[in-house]
Amino acid sequence: MAVDVRELSFSYGGAPVLQNVSFSMHGGEVIALLGPNGVGKSTLFRCQLGFLKPTRGEILIGGKPLSSYSHRDLAREIAYIPQSYAPTFNYSVRDSVLMGVTAKLGALESPTAAQQELVMQTLAQLGIAHLSERGSRKISGGERQLMLIARALVQDARVLIMDEPTANLDYGNSCRVMERVARLGREGYTVIFSSHDPNQAFRYATRALALKDGTLLADGAPVQVLTEPVLSALYGLSVAVRSVDIGGTDYTVSLPGNNPEGFPKKHPVLCAHSLGSSAFGAEHRKFLFPHCGAVRLDYRAQAPREAKKEFSRLFGRMQRGLYLSRWSSAASARR
């Protein structure tokens, strides 16, 4: 399903939010929409969903103007996954997902056996079938996001709009949700999601849109358009983009600053542990610490309080969901 946004402009009162925004979306694409707070990302989504009427321009869904769709017909084409969802009632996960079929039902119709079976198949596909009878208020934030994705899939819409799908999720749940999002693109869905993390675009998206001051600053493959000048202009600070090799595969990552404040070009040996996991190998350490001369595990050396405070200050900005608590220089490690 193709979605075309043509010279879209929108204003709240007399204050312009979007100005002449144009782009197209096609099946199989996973598009990351990046931009600072208040730049109009959510407003753009609301226009695409028909919640807001553009000041100028138009939106085409499958070649037809958005305005020609009824709410029920539009729900068959586009599904929306909000950035946060706090259910008022503790409906089961199965029943919450089953609500996605309402666009196909008449006023007095009930879901068919086939639709109920589709719900269970979709839950199994997303790896949360074991939660089917659990209350939607009794599951984690990551599980709830997967539940919302399941509801969107049951809705049978081929276009998915996700407003910061990993907001407020921990590192593990964030990765699990984004892996599912990337898989949806490979299955032919048209997916657009907003994010504040350029690394999500590098890792999971096939295309990136950079929105600044209500206009598109960049549009294209993430590694091609999310350059240091673009990201620096987008967020108003120096941003470094680096390529790292992990197990023979190159990954692109972004960090604050060409040489982030406090990060020497080559740091002394850092000793760290990740929840005591032996799986925290050299390749992962190379990915997480590209500024270090070397990184290795050391469970013996107890870092002084000042050193631990400095470590937290330097690497806390990397926003990784790993707990790193011990470090020492090569000299202190030998003591």
Protein backbone atom coordinates (compact mmCIF):
# COMPACT_ATOMS: atom_id res chain seq x y z
CA MET A 1 0.00 0.00 0.00
CA ALA A 2 1.47 3.33 -1.08
CA VAL A 3 1.03 6.53 0.92
CA ASP A 4 1.87 9.87 -0.73
CA VAL A 5 2.29 13.08 1.23
CA ARG A 6 2.34 16.07 -1.12
CA GLU A 7 3.40 19.57 -0.09
CA LEU A 8 1.76 19.15 3.29
CA SER A 9 1.52 22.20 5.56
CA PHE A 10 -0.20 22.54 8.91
CA SER A 11 -0.56 25.33 11.47
CA TYR A 12 -1.91 25.51 15.00
CA GLY A 13 -3.67 28.86 14.94
CA GLY A 14 -1.22 31.14 13.18
CA ALA A 15 1.87 29.15 14.15
CA PRO A 16 3.17 26.96 11.28
CA VAL A 17 4.24 23.45 12.34
CA LEU A 18 4.68 21.64 9.00
CA GLN A 19 5.73 23.38 5.80
CA ASN A 20 5.69 21.82 2.33
CA VAL A 21 6.47 18.28 3.51
CA SER A 22 6.52 15.75 0.66
CA PHE A 23 7.45 12.06 0.65
CA SER A 24 6.05 8.66 -0.35
CA MET A 25 5.84 5.36 1.53
CA HIS A 26 5.71 1.90 -0.06
CA GLY A 27 5.28 -1.72 1.01
CA GLY A 28 8.37 -3.27 2.54
CA GLU A 29 9.77 0.02 3.82
CA VAL A 30 10.54 0.67 7.47
CA ILE A 31 10.91 4.45 7.78
CA ALA A 32 12.41 6.19 10.80
CA LEU A 33 11.17 9.74 11.38
CA LEU A 34 13.75 11.69 13.38
CA GLY A 35 13.67 15.18 14.79
CA PRO A 36 13.89 17.13 18.05
CA ASN A 37 10.97 17.63 20.40
CA GLY A 38 8.19 19.87 19.12
CA VAL A 39 9.25 19.67 15.49
CA GLY A 40 5.96 18.22 14.23
CA LYS A 41 6.48 14.45 14.12
CA SER A 42 3.28 13.60 15.97
CA THR A 43 1.42 16.30 14.04
CA LEU A 44 2.49 14.69 10.78
CA PHE A 45 1.17 11.34 12.01
CA ARG A 46 -2.14 12.90 13.04
CA CYS A 47 -2.51 14.36 9.56
CA GLN A 48 -1.81 10.96 8.00
CA LEU A 49 -4.41 9.37 10.28
CA GLY A 50 -7.03 11.94 9.37
CA PHE A 51 -7.19 13.39 12.89
CA LEU A 52 -6.01 16.80 11.64
CA LYS A 53 -6.85 18.56 8.40
CA PRO A 54 -3.83 20.02 6.59
CA THR A 55 -3.69 23.73 5.98
CA ARG A 56 -2.36 23.00 2.50
CA GLY A 57 -1.37 19.97 0.44
CA GLU A 58 -2.84 16.49 0.32
CA ILE A 59 -2.35 12.90 1.41
CA LEU A 60 -3.12 9.97 -0.89
CA ILE A 61 -3.73 6.43 0.39
CA GLY A 62 -3.48 3.88 -2.40
CA GLY A 63 -3.86 6.71 -4.91
CA LYS A 64 -7.08 8.01 -3.33
CA PRO A 65 -7.34 11.25 -1.32
CA LEU A 66 -7.38 10.68 2.42
CA SER A 67 -10.51 12.84 2.67
CA SER A 68 -12.45 10.33 0.54
CA TYR A 69 -12.09 7.57 3.17
CA SER A 70 -14.62 7.00 5.92
CA HIS A 71 -13.21 6.27 9.38
CA ARG A 72 -14.08 2.59 8.99
CA ASP A 73 -12.48 2.34 5.54
CA LEU A 74 -9.35 4.15 6.71
CA ALA A 75 -9.03 1.73 9.63
CA ARG A 76 -8.78 -1.09 7.09
CA GLU A 77 -5.77 0.59 5.50
CA ILE A 78 -3.84 2.27 8.35
CA ALA A 79 -3.21 1.14 11.92
CA TYR A 80 -1.80 3.35 14.66
CA ILE A 81 0.41 2.28 17.56
CA PRO A 82 0.75 5.07 20.16
CA GLN A 83 3.90 5.76 22.15
CA SER A 84 2.21 4.91 25.43
CA TYR A 85 -0.95 3.09 26.36
CA ALA A 86 -2.45 2.75 29.84
CA PRO A 87 -5.61 0.65 29.56
CA THR A 88 -8.51 1.83 31.73
CA PHE A 89 -9.98 -1.65 32.03
CA ASN A 90 -8.02 -4.82 32.62
CA TYR A 91 -9.17 -6.66 29.50
CA SER A 92 -7.18 -9.76 28.70
CA VAL A 93 -4.45 -9.52 26.09
CA ARG A 94 -6.51 -11.75 23.80
CA ASP A 95 -9.61 -9.56 24.06
CA SER A 96 -7.56 -6.37 23.64
CA VAL A 97 -6.09 -7.70 20.41
CA LEU A 98 -9.49 -8.96 19.26
CA MET A 99 -10.72 -5.37 19.32
CA GLY A 100 -8.64 -4.85 16.19
CA VAL A 101 -11.29 -6.62 14.08
CA THR A 102 -14.07 -4.14 14.94
CA ALA A 103 -13.60 -2.26 11.67
CA LYS A 104 -14.79 -5.42 9.89
CA LEU A 105 -17.85 -6.00 12.06
CA GLY A 106 -21.35 -4.65 11.85
CA ALA A 107 -23.08 -2.94 14.76
CA LEU A 108 -24.43 -6.17 16.30
CA GLU A 109 -21.87 -8.66 14.96
CA SER A 110 -19.51 -10.69 17.11
CA PRO A 111 -16.03 -11.86 16.11
CA THR A 112 -16.06 -15.13 14.20
CA ALA A 113 -14.17 -18.26 15.19
CA ALA A 114 -11.74 -17.59 12.33
CA GLN A 115 -11.03 -14.08 13.66
CA GLN A 116 -10.44 -15.43 17.16
CA GLU A 117 -8.06 -18.00 15.74
CA LEU A 118 -6.26 -15.21 13.85
CA VAL A 119 -5.74 -13.41 17.15
CA MET A 120 -4.03 -16.43 18.68
CA GLN A 121 -1.89 -16.95 15.59
CA THR A 122 -0.81 -13.31 15.68
CA LEU A 123 0.05 -13.48 19.38
CA ALA A 124 2.13 -16.58 18.67
CA GLN A 125 3.85 -14.81 15.78
CA LEU A 126 4.91 -12.01 18.12
CA GLY A 127 5.96 -14.41 20.86
CA ILE A 128 3.34 -13.40 23.44
CA ALA A 129 0.74 -16.19 23.08
CA HIS A 130 1.48 -17.23 26.67
CA LEU A 131 0.08 -13.87 27.79
CA SER A 132 -3.28 -14.30 26.05
CA GLU A 133 -5.33 -14.64 29.23
CA ARG A 134 -3.36 -12.19 31.31
CA GLY A 135 -4.85 -8.76 32.02
CA SER A 136 -3.53 -5.97 29.81
CA ARG A 137 -2.73 -3.94 32.94
CA LYS A 138 -0.67 -6.79 34.38
CA ILE A 139 1.99 -7.02 31.67
CA SER A 140 5.21 -5.09 31.10
CA GLY A 141 5.54 -2.05 28.88
CA GLY A 142 7.35 -4.01 26.18
CA GLU A 143 4.73 -6.75 26.23
CA ARG A 144 2.00 -4.12 25.98
CA GLN A 145 3.67 -2.59 22.92
CA LEU A 146 3.77 -6.02 21.29
CA MET A 147 0.09 -6.41 22.18
CA LEU A 148 -0.67 -3.14 20.35
CA ILE A 149 1.30 -4.31 17.33
CA ALA A 150 -0.71 -7.55 17.39
CA ARG A 151 -3.94 -5.56 17.44
CA ALA A 152 -2.74 -3.54 14.45
CA LEU A 153 -1.93 -6.73 12.54
CA VAL A 154 -5.32 -8.25 13.32
CA GLN A 155 -6.84 -5.02 12.02
CA ASP A 156 -5.37 -6.22 8.69
CA ALA A 157 -4.06 -2.78 7.76
CA ARG A 158 -0.94 -2.82 5.61
CA VAL A 159 0.28 0.61 6.76
CA LEU A 160 1.51 0.92 10.35
CA ILE A 161 2.18 4.28 11.99
CA MET A 162 4.13 4.04 15.26
CA ASP A 163 4.67 7.08 17.46
CA GLU A 164 7.86 6.41 19.44
CA PRO A 165 7.12 2.69 19.89
CA THR A 166 9.96 2.22 22.39
CA ALA A 167 9.31 5.28 24.58
CA ASN A 168 9.74 4.41 28.28
CA LEU A 169 10.91 0.86 27.49
CA ASP A 170 14.08 -0.63 28.92
CA TYR A 171 16.93 -1.64 26.65
CA GLY A 172 15.86 -5.27 26.28
CA ASN A 173 12.20 -4.56 25.53
CA SER A 174 13.20 -1.77 23.17
CA CYS A 175 15.35 -4.17 21.15
CA ARG A 176 12.64 -6.85 21.09
CA VAL A 177 10.00 -4.42 19.86
CA MET A 178 12.25 -2.96 17.17
CA GLU A 179 13.26 -6.41 15.93
CA ARG A 180 9.56 -7.14 15.39
CA VAL A 181 9.11 -3.81 13.62
CA ALA A 182 11.95 -4.61 11.23
CA ARG A 183 10.46 -8.04 10.57
CA LEU A 184 7.12 -6.45 9.60
CA GLY A 185 8.90 -4.52 6.89
CA ARG A 186 10.44 -7.72 5.56
CA GLU A 187 6.93 -9.18 5.45
CA GLY A 188 5.76 -6.40 3.15
CA TYR A 189 4.12 -3.97 5.56
CA THR A 190 4.60 -0.22 5.18
CA VAL A 191 5.95 1.00 8.51
CA ILE A 192 6.84 4.48 9.71
CA PHE A 193 7.97 5.11 13.28
CA SER A 194 9.22 8.19 15.10
CA SER A 195 12.28 8.02 17.30
CA HIS A 196 14.74 10.19 19.20
CA ASP A 197 17.57 7.70 18.70
CA PRO A 198 19.47 7.81 15.37
CA ASN A 199 20.90 4.37 16.19
CA GLN A 200 17.43 2.85 15.83
CA ALA A 201 17.32 4.24 12.30
CA PHE A 202 20.77 2.83 11.51
CA ARG A 203 19.93 -0.58 12.99
CA TYR A 204 16.31 -1.21 12.00
CA ALA A 205 15.11 1.18 9.29
CA THR A 206 15.47 0.93 5.55
CA ARG A 207 14.92 4.67 5.17
CA ALA A 208 15.12 7.79 7.31
CA LEU A 209 13.31 11.13 7.28
CA ALA A 210 14.87 14.02 9.22
CA LEU A 211 12.36 16.71 10.20
CA LYS A 212 13.59 20.12 11.35
CA ASP A 213 11.63 23.34 11.79
CA GLY A 214 8.65 21.76 10.07
CA THR A 215 10.49 20.83 6.87
CA LEU A 216 12.32 17.73 5.66
CA LEU A 217 16.05 18.11 6.13
CA ALA A 218 16.92 14.69 4.69
CA ASP A 219 15.24 11.65 3.10
CA GLY A 220 16.98 8.44 2.09
CA ALA A 221 18.88 5.39 3.30
CA PRO A 222 19.98 6.00 6.92
CA VAL A 223 23.69 5.46 6.34
CA GLN A 224 23.60 7.85 3.40
CA VAL A 225 21.54 10.76 4.76
CA LEU A 226 22.09 10.64 8.54
CA THR A 227 25.54 12.14 8.30
CA GLU A 228 27.39 14.06 10.99
CA PRO A 229 26.39 17.47 9.54
CA VAL A 230 22.72 16.44 9.26
CA LEU A 231 22.48 14.98 12.78
CA SER A 232 24.41 17.91 14.25
CA ALA A 233 22.05 20.38 12.58
CA LEU A 234 19.03 18.31 13.59
CA TYR A 235 19.80 18.16 17.30
CA GLY A 236 21.90 21.28 17.80
CA LEU A 237 25.04 19.58 19.07
CA SER A 238 28.11 17.95 17.60
CA VAL A 239 27.33 14.35 16.58
CA ALA A 240 29.86 11.76 15.47
CA VAL A 241 28.92 8.88 13.15
CA ARG A 242 31.18 5.83 13.22
CA SER A 243 31.28 2.40 11.62
CA VAL A 244 32.20 -0.51 13.89
CA ASP A 245 32.87 -4.12 13.04
CA ILE A 246 31.09 -6.77 15.08
CA GLY A 247 31.71 -10.35 14.09
CA GLY A 248 32.66 -9.35 10.56
CA THR A 249 29.57 -7.15 10.06
CA ASP A 250 29.81 -3.36 9.89
CA TYR A 251 27.31 -1.36 11.95
CA THR A 252 26.86 2.39 11.89
CA VAL A 253 26.43 4.15 15.24
CA SER A 254 26.14 7.75 16.39
CA LEU A 255 27.64 9.37 19.46
CA PRO A 256 27.54 12.92 20.82
CA GLY A 257 30.56 14.86 19.54
CA ASN A 258 33.39 14.12 17.11
CA ASN A 259 35.38 13.56 20.27
CA PRO A 260 32.70 13.74 22.98
CA GLU A 261 33.62 15.94 25.91
CA GLY A 262 35.58 13.92 28.42
CA PHE A 263 36.38 11.08 25.98
CA PRO A 264 40.11 10.96 25.15
CA LYS A 265 41.04 9.69 21.71
CA LYS A 266 42.31 6.52 23.33
CA HIS A 267 41.15 5.68 26.83
CA PRO A 268 43.16 3.53 29.25
CA VAL A 269 42.10 -0.07 29.65
CA LEU A 270 38.57 -0.20 31.06
CA CYS A 271 37.40 -3.12 33.12
CA ALA A 272 33.66 -3.72 33.30
CA HIS A 273 31.03 -6.36 33.77
CA SER A 274 27.49 -6.70 32.46
CA LEU A 275 25.33 -8.36 35.10
CA GLY A 276 28.04 -10.98 35.47
CA SER A 277 27.26 -12.38 32.03
CA SER A 278 30.01 -14.32 30.28
CA ALA A 279 28.24 -13.51 27.01
CA PHE A 280 29.53 -9.94 27.26
CA GLY A 281 32.36 -10.70 24.84
CA ALA A 282 35.09 -8.72 23.13
CA GLU A 283 32.94 -7.92 20.10
CA HIS A 284 30.22 -6.35 22.27
CA ARG A 285 32.80 -4.36 24.21
CA LYS A 286 34.30 -3.07 20.96
CA PHE A 287 30.83 -1.94 19.88
CA LEU A 288 30.04 -0.21 23.17
CA PHE A 289 33.46 1.37 23.70
CA PRO A 290 34.77 2.59 20.31
CA HIS A 291 36.79 5.31 22.07
CA CYS A 292 38.75 2.91 24.26
CA GLY A 293 42.18 1.53 23.53
CA ALA A 294 41.13 -1.76 25.11
CA VAL A 295 38.33 -3.14 27.19
CA ARG A 296 38.41 -6.31 29.23
CA LEU A 297 36.63 -7.94 32.14
CA ASP A 298 38.12 -7.62 35.63
CA TYR A 299 36.20 -8.85 38.66
CA ARG A 300 39.13 -8.37 41.08
CA ALA A 301 39.96 -4.69 40.97
CA GLN A 302 37.64 -2.51 43.04
CA ALA A 303 37.58 0.96 41.54
CA PRO A 304 37.89 3.96 43.84
CA ARG A 305 34.74 6.02 44.34
CA GLU A 306 36.10 8.90 42.25
CA ALA A 307 36.94 6.60 39.36
CA LYS A 308 33.48 5.03 39.38
CA LYS A 309 31.89 8.49 39.39
CA GLU A 310 34.02 9.51 36.39
CA PHE A 311 33.15 6.28 34.58
CA SER A 312 29.43 6.91 35.10
CA ARG A 313 29.75 10.49 33.87
CA LEU A 314 31.58 9.54 30.69
CA PHE A 315 29.55 6.53 29.63
CA GLY A 316 26.15 7.40 31.04
CA ARG A 317 25.63 9.60 27.99
CA MET A 318 25.85 6.57 25.71
CA GLN A 319 22.36 5.55 26.92
CA ARG A 320 23.05 1.84 26.87
CA GLY A 321 20.89 -0.51 28.91
CA LEU A 322 23.88 -2.30 30.38
CA TYR A 323 25.03 -1.98 33.99
CA LEU A 324 28.75 -1.27 34.08
CA SER A 325 30.25 -0.85 37.50
CA ARG A 326 33.97 -1.60 37.65
CA TRP A 327 36.91 -0.12 35.88
CA SER A 328 40.61 0.47 36.35
CA SER A 329 43.61 1.46 34.33
CA ALA A 330 46.11 -1.19 33.30
CA ALA A 331 48.38 -0.09 36.14
CA SER A 332 45.72 -0.35 38.87
CA ALA A 333 44.57 -3.73 37.54
CA ARG A 334 48.08 -5.13 38.11
CA ARG A 335 48.11 -4.03 41.76
